[in-house]
N, C-alpha and C. Protein backbone atom coordinates (compact mmCIF):
# COMPACT_ATOMS: atom_id res chain seq x y z
N MET A 1 -152.81 -3.67 249.47
CA MET A 1 -153.06 -5.09 249.26
C MET A 1 -151.80 -5.81 248.78
N VAL A 2 -151.04 -5.18 247.90
CA VAL A 2 -149.83 -5.78 247.38
C VAL A 2 -148.81 -5.94 248.51
N GLN A 3 -148.71 -4.93 249.38
CA GLN A 3 -147.76 -4.99 250.48
C GLN A 3 -148.12 -6.13 251.45
N SER A 4 -149.40 -6.30 251.73
CA SER A 4 -149.77 -7.37 252.66
C SER A 4 -149.50 -8.74 252.03
N GLY A 5 -149.68 -8.87 250.72
CA GLY A 5 -149.34 -10.12 250.04
C GLY A 5 -147.85 -10.40 250.12
N PHE A 6 -147.05 -9.34 249.96
CA PHE A 6 -145.61 -9.50 250.06
C PHE A 6 -145.21 -9.88 251.48
N CYS A 7 -145.84 -9.25 252.46
CA CYS A 7 -145.54 -9.58 253.87
C CYS A 7 -145.91 -11.03 254.17
N LEU A 8 -147.04 -11.48 253.62
CA LEU A 8 -147.44 -12.87 253.81
C LEU A 8 -146.43 -13.81 253.18
N PHE A 9 -145.99 -13.48 251.98
CA PHE A 9 -144.98 -14.29 251.29
C PHE A 9 -143.68 -14.32 252.10
N ARG A 10 -143.27 -13.17 252.63
CA ARG A 10 -142.04 -13.09 253.41
C ARG A 10 -142.15 -13.91 254.68
N ARG A 11 -143.28 -13.87 255.36
CA ARG A 11 -143.48 -14.69 256.56
C ARG A 11 -143.40 -16.17 256.24
N GLN A 12 -144.03 -16.56 255.14
CA GLN A 12 -143.98 -17.97 254.75
C GLN A 12 -142.56 -18.39 254.39
N ALA A 13 -141.82 -17.51 253.73
CA ALA A 13 -140.43 -17.82 253.37
C ALA A 13 -139.58 -17.98 254.63
N VAL A 14 -139.83 -17.12 255.60
CA VAL A 14 -139.09 -17.21 256.86
C VAL A 14 -139.44 -18.52 257.57
N ARG A 15 -140.70 -18.89 257.57
CA ARG A 15 -141.11 -20.17 258.19
C ARG A 15 -140.45 -21.35 257.51
N VAL A 16 -140.41 -21.33 256.18
CA VAL A 16 -139.77 -22.43 255.43
C VAL A 16 -138.29 -22.49 255.77
N CYS A 17 -137.62 -21.33 255.80
CA CYS A 17 -136.20 -21.31 256.13
C CYS A 17 -135.95 -21.82 257.55
N CYS A 18 -136.80 -21.42 258.49
CA CYS A 18 -136.66 -21.88 259.87
C CYS A 18 -136.88 -23.39 259.96
N THR A 19 -137.86 -23.88 259.24
CA THR A 19 -138.13 -25.31 259.25
C THR A 19 -136.94 -26.09 258.69
N VAL A 20 -136.38 -25.62 257.59
CA VAL A 20 -135.22 -26.27 257.00
C VAL A 20 -134.05 -26.23 257.97
N PHE A 21 -133.84 -25.08 258.61
CA PHE A 21 -132.75 -24.96 259.57
C PHE A 21 -132.94 -25.93 260.73
N ILE A 22 -134.14 -26.03 261.25
CA ILE A 22 -134.42 -26.94 262.36
C ILE A 22 -134.18 -28.39 261.93
N LEU A 23 -134.63 -28.75 260.74
CA LEU A 23 -134.42 -30.12 260.25
C LEU A 23 -132.94 -30.42 260.08
N LEU A 24 -132.18 -29.46 259.56
CA LEU A 24 -130.73 -29.66 259.44
C LEU A 24 -130.07 -29.80 260.80
N ALA A 25 -130.51 -28.99 261.76
CA ALA A 25 -129.95 -29.08 263.11
C ALA A 25 -130.29 -30.42 263.77
N LEU A 26 -131.51 -30.88 263.59
CA LEU A 26 -131.90 -32.18 264.15
C LEU A 26 -131.12 -33.31 263.50
N ASN A 27 -130.89 -33.22 262.21
CA ASN A 27 -130.11 -34.24 261.51
C ASN A 27 -128.68 -34.27 262.03
N ALA A 28 -128.09 -33.09 262.21
CA ALA A 28 -126.73 -33.02 262.75
C ALA A 28 -126.68 -33.56 264.17
N ALA A 29 -127.69 -33.24 264.96
CA ALA A 29 -127.73 -33.74 266.34
C ALA A 29 -127.88 -35.25 266.37
N ALA A 30 -128.68 -35.78 265.46
CA ALA A 30 -128.87 -37.24 265.42
C ALA A 30 -127.57 -37.93 265.05
N GLN A 31 -126.79 -37.32 264.17
CA GLN A 31 -125.52 -37.93 263.79
C GLN A 31 -124.52 -37.89 264.93
N THR A 32 -124.54 -36.83 265.72
CA THR A 32 -123.60 -36.74 266.83
C THR A 32 -124.05 -37.57 268.03
N ARG A 33 -125.31 -37.95 268.08
CA ARG A 33 -125.81 -38.74 269.21
C ARG A 33 -125.36 -40.18 269.16
N GLU A 34 -124.89 -40.62 268.01
CA GLU A 34 -124.39 -41.99 267.92
C GLU A 34 -123.02 -42.03 268.59
N ALA A 35 -123.05 -42.02 269.90
CA ALA A 35 -121.83 -41.90 270.68
C ALA A 35 -121.14 -43.25 270.81
N ASP A 36 -119.89 -43.15 271.13
CA ASP A 36 -119.06 -44.30 271.38
C ASP A 36 -119.58 -45.02 272.63
N PRO A 37 -119.77 -46.35 272.56
CA PRO A 37 -120.27 -47.08 273.74
C PRO A 37 -119.36 -46.92 274.96
N GLU A 38 -118.05 -46.84 274.71
CA GLU A 38 -117.11 -46.65 275.82
C GLU A 38 -117.35 -45.30 276.48
N LEU A 39 -117.58 -44.27 275.67
CA LEU A 39 -117.86 -42.95 276.21
C LEU A 39 -119.14 -42.95 277.03
N LEU A 40 -120.17 -43.63 276.54
CA LEU A 40 -121.43 -43.69 277.29
C LEU A 40 -121.25 -44.39 278.63
N ALA A 41 -120.49 -45.47 278.64
CA ALA A 41 -120.25 -46.18 279.90
C ALA A 41 -119.48 -45.30 280.88
N LEU A 42 -118.45 -44.61 280.37
CA LEU A 42 -117.69 -43.71 281.23
C LEU A 42 -118.55 -42.55 281.73
N LEU A 43 -119.41 -42.06 280.87
CA LEU A 43 -120.30 -40.96 281.24
C LEU A 43 -121.24 -41.37 282.36
N LYS A 44 -121.84 -42.54 282.24
CA LYS A 44 -122.75 -43.02 283.28
C LYS A 44 -122.03 -43.23 284.60
N GLU A 45 -120.82 -43.77 284.51
CA GLU A 45 -120.03 -43.99 285.72
C GLU A 45 -119.66 -42.66 286.38
N ALA A 46 -119.25 -41.69 285.56
CA ALA A 46 -118.87 -40.38 286.09
C ALA A 46 -120.07 -39.68 286.72
N ALA A 47 -121.22 -39.77 286.10
CA ALA A 47 -122.42 -39.13 286.62
C ALA A 47 -122.85 -39.76 287.93
N ALA A 48 -122.69 -41.06 288.06
CA ALA A 48 -123.13 -41.76 289.26
C ALA A 48 -122.25 -41.46 290.47
N GLU A 49 -120.96 -41.23 290.25
CA GLU A 49 -120.07 -41.08 291.39
C GLU A 49 -119.79 -39.64 291.78
N ASN A 50 -120.23 -38.67 291.00
CA ASN A 50 -119.93 -37.28 291.31
C ASN A 50 -120.96 -36.71 292.27
N GLN A 51 -120.49 -36.08 293.32
CA GLN A 51 -121.37 -35.55 294.36
C GLN A 51 -121.75 -34.09 294.17
N SER A 52 -121.13 -33.40 293.18
CA SER A 52 -121.38 -31.97 293.04
C SER A 52 -122.63 -31.65 292.23
N PHE A 53 -123.25 -32.66 291.64
CA PHE A 53 -124.47 -32.45 290.87
C PHE A 53 -125.69 -32.70 291.75
N VAL A 54 -126.80 -32.07 291.37
CA VAL A 54 -128.04 -32.24 292.11
C VAL A 54 -128.56 -33.66 291.96
N ASP A 55 -128.57 -34.16 290.73
CA ASP A 55 -129.01 -35.53 290.48
C ASP A 55 -128.25 -36.13 289.30
N ARG A 56 -128.45 -37.40 289.08
CA ARG A 56 -127.73 -38.13 288.04
C ARG A 56 -128.06 -37.60 286.64
N PHE A 57 -129.31 -37.23 286.41
CA PHE A 57 -129.71 -36.72 285.11
C PHE A 57 -128.97 -35.43 284.77
N GLU A 58 -128.92 -34.51 285.74
CA GLU A 58 -128.19 -33.25 285.52
C GLU A 58 -126.72 -33.54 285.23
N ALA A 59 -126.15 -34.48 285.94
CA ALA A 59 -124.75 -34.83 285.73
C ALA A 59 -124.52 -35.37 284.32
N GLU A 60 -125.38 -36.28 283.88
CA GLU A 60 -125.22 -36.85 282.54
C GLU A 60 -125.35 -35.79 281.47
N VAL A 61 -126.34 -34.92 281.60
CA VAL A 61 -126.56 -33.87 280.60
C VAL A 61 -125.36 -32.93 280.56
N TRP A 62 -124.92 -32.46 281.70
CA TRP A 62 -123.81 -31.51 281.74
C TRP A 62 -122.52 -32.16 281.24
N LEU A 63 -122.24 -33.36 281.72
CA LEU A 63 -121.00 -34.02 281.31
C LEU A 63 -120.99 -34.32 279.81
N LEU A 64 -122.10 -34.76 279.27
CA LEU A 64 -122.16 -35.05 277.83
C LEU A 64 -121.99 -33.76 277.02
N ASP A 65 -122.69 -32.71 277.42
CA ASP A 65 -122.59 -31.45 276.71
C ASP A 65 -121.16 -30.91 276.74
N MET A 66 -120.58 -30.85 277.91
CA MET A 66 -119.22 -30.31 278.03
C MET A 66 -118.19 -31.24 277.39
N SER A 67 -118.43 -32.54 277.46
CA SER A 67 -117.52 -33.49 276.82
C SER A 67 -117.47 -33.28 275.32
N ASN A 68 -118.63 -33.05 274.72
CA ASN A 68 -118.66 -32.79 273.28
C ASN A 68 -117.95 -31.48 272.94
N ARG A 69 -118.04 -30.50 273.83
CA ARG A 69 -117.43 -29.20 273.57
C ARG A 69 -115.91 -29.24 273.66
N VAL A 70 -115.36 -30.01 274.59
CA VAL A 70 -113.90 -30.02 274.77
C VAL A 70 -113.22 -31.20 274.08
N GLN A 71 -113.98 -31.97 273.34
CA GLN A 71 -113.44 -33.15 272.66
C GLN A 71 -112.28 -32.79 271.73
N ARG A 72 -112.33 -31.62 271.13
CA ARG A 72 -111.29 -31.19 270.20
C ARG A 72 -109.93 -31.10 270.89
N TRP A 73 -109.90 -30.71 272.16
CA TRP A 73 -108.65 -30.48 272.86
C TRP A 73 -108.23 -31.64 273.75
N ILE A 74 -109.19 -32.41 274.23
CA ILE A 74 -108.88 -33.58 275.07
C ILE A 74 -109.48 -34.79 274.37
N ARG A 75 -108.65 -35.53 273.69
CA ARG A 75 -109.13 -36.63 272.84
C ARG A 75 -109.60 -37.85 273.64
N ASP A 76 -108.89 -38.19 274.70
CA ASP A 76 -109.22 -39.40 275.46
C ASP A 76 -110.49 -39.17 276.28
N PRO A 77 -111.53 -40.00 276.07
CA PRO A 77 -112.79 -39.78 276.79
C PRO A 77 -112.65 -39.88 278.31
N GLN A 78 -111.82 -40.79 278.78
CA GLN A 78 -111.67 -40.95 280.22
C GLN A 78 -110.98 -39.72 280.83
N ASP A 79 -109.93 -39.23 280.19
CA ASP A 79 -109.26 -38.02 280.68
C ASP A 79 -110.21 -36.82 280.66
N ARG A 80 -110.99 -36.75 279.59
CA ARG A 80 -111.92 -35.64 279.44
C ARG A 80 -112.96 -35.64 280.56
N LEU A 81 -113.55 -36.80 280.85
CA LEU A 81 -114.57 -36.87 281.90
C LEU A 81 -113.98 -36.65 283.29
N GLU A 82 -112.77 -37.14 283.51
CA GLU A 82 -112.12 -36.91 284.81
C GLU A 82 -111.89 -35.42 285.02
N MET A 83 -111.42 -34.73 283.98
CA MET A 83 -111.19 -33.30 284.09
C MET A 83 -112.50 -32.55 284.32
N LEU A 84 -113.54 -32.93 283.59
CA LEU A 84 -114.83 -32.26 283.74
C LEU A 84 -115.43 -32.47 285.13
N LYS A 85 -115.33 -33.69 285.65
CA LYS A 85 -115.82 -33.95 287.00
C LYS A 85 -115.09 -33.10 288.03
N LEU A 86 -113.77 -33.03 287.88
CA LEU A 86 -112.97 -32.26 288.82
C LEU A 86 -113.30 -30.77 288.73
N VAL A 87 -113.43 -30.26 287.50
CA VAL A 87 -113.76 -28.85 287.33
C VAL A 87 -115.13 -28.55 287.95
N HIS A 88 -116.10 -29.40 287.69
CA HIS A 88 -117.44 -29.16 288.24
C HIS A 88 -117.43 -29.21 289.76
N GLN A 89 -116.75 -30.19 290.31
CA GLN A 89 -116.70 -30.35 291.76
C GLN A 89 -116.02 -29.14 292.42
N GLU A 90 -114.87 -28.74 291.90
CA GLU A 90 -114.13 -27.64 292.52
C GLU A 90 -114.81 -26.29 292.28
N ALA A 91 -115.38 -26.10 291.11
CA ALA A 91 -116.08 -24.84 290.83
C ALA A 91 -117.31 -24.72 291.73
N THR A 92 -118.04 -25.80 291.89
CA THR A 92 -119.22 -25.79 292.75
C THR A 92 -118.81 -25.52 294.20
N ARG A 93 -117.74 -26.15 294.63
CA ARG A 93 -117.25 -25.95 295.99
C ARG A 93 -116.85 -24.49 296.24
N ALA A 94 -116.28 -23.86 295.20
CA ALA A 94 -115.86 -22.46 295.31
C ALA A 94 -116.97 -21.48 294.95
N GLU A 95 -118.16 -22.01 294.72
CA GLU A 95 -119.34 -21.22 294.35
C GLU A 95 -119.10 -20.41 293.08
N LEU A 96 -118.45 -21.06 292.08
CA LEU A 96 -118.23 -20.47 290.77
C LEU A 96 -118.99 -21.28 289.73
N SER A 97 -119.24 -20.68 288.61
CA SER A 97 -119.88 -21.39 287.51
C SER A 97 -118.87 -22.32 286.86
N PRO A 98 -119.18 -23.62 286.77
CA PRO A 98 -118.25 -24.54 286.11
C PRO A 98 -117.95 -24.14 284.67
N GLU A 99 -118.94 -23.57 283.98
CA GLU A 99 -118.72 -23.15 282.61
C GLU A 99 -117.71 -22.01 282.55
N LEU A 100 -117.76 -21.11 283.53
CA LEU A 100 -116.79 -20.01 283.59
C LEU A 100 -115.39 -20.56 283.81
N VAL A 101 -115.26 -21.52 284.70
CA VAL A 101 -113.95 -22.12 284.97
C VAL A 101 -113.42 -22.81 283.72
N LEU A 102 -114.28 -23.53 283.01
CA LEU A 102 -113.86 -24.17 281.76
C LEU A 102 -113.44 -23.13 280.72
N ALA A 103 -114.15 -22.01 280.66
CA ALA A 103 -113.79 -20.95 279.71
C ALA A 103 -112.41 -20.38 280.03
N VAL A 104 -112.13 -20.19 281.30
CA VAL A 104 -110.81 -19.67 281.69
C VAL A 104 -109.72 -20.68 281.34
N ILE A 105 -109.96 -21.95 281.62
CA ILE A 105 -108.98 -22.99 281.27
C ILE A 105 -108.75 -23.00 279.77
N HIS A 106 -109.81 -22.88 279.01
CA HIS A 106 -109.70 -22.88 277.55
C HIS A 106 -108.86 -21.71 277.07
N VAL A 107 -109.14 -20.51 277.58
CA VAL A 107 -108.41 -19.32 277.15
C VAL A 107 -106.96 -19.36 277.60
N GLU A 108 -106.73 -19.82 278.81
CA GLU A 108 -105.38 -19.79 279.35
C GLU A 108 -104.46 -20.87 278.76
N SER A 109 -104.97 -22.08 278.52
CA SER A 109 -104.06 -23.15 278.13
C SER A 109 -104.60 -24.11 277.07
N LEU A 110 -105.78 -23.87 276.57
CA LEU A 110 -106.42 -24.82 275.64
C LEU A 110 -106.46 -26.24 276.22
N PHE A 111 -106.71 -26.32 277.51
CA PHE A 111 -106.86 -27.57 278.25
C PHE A 111 -105.56 -28.38 278.33
N ASP A 112 -104.43 -27.70 278.19
CA ASP A 112 -103.13 -28.37 278.35
C ASP A 112 -102.79 -28.37 279.83
N ARG A 113 -102.76 -29.54 280.44
CA ARG A 113 -102.55 -29.61 281.89
C ARG A 113 -101.11 -29.30 282.28
N PHE A 114 -100.21 -29.25 281.33
CA PHE A 114 -98.82 -28.94 281.65
C PHE A 114 -98.54 -27.46 281.45
């Protein structure tokens, strides 16, 4: 009986920790979602004109996700989106994963085009 009480307590503690973690993650996500209006406009434009995506929604999601990931190395939003569009288009054309191509670029040059 004591062991089952302890197991119940442990499960509840894990649930509380998971709930706190999820709330912290949602809070962090909400803070990062307040994007620059210029970036949003560029993102919508890039998603609309790129032909390598299945639809506009997929393009916006992928471009926003990857843009946030490479922001540390490519500061200018327009340069960043142009590079991401080109990588996605050429990787798709070569039947490669765009994420794999980005990973290789990251490892090889940290996104330094020179």
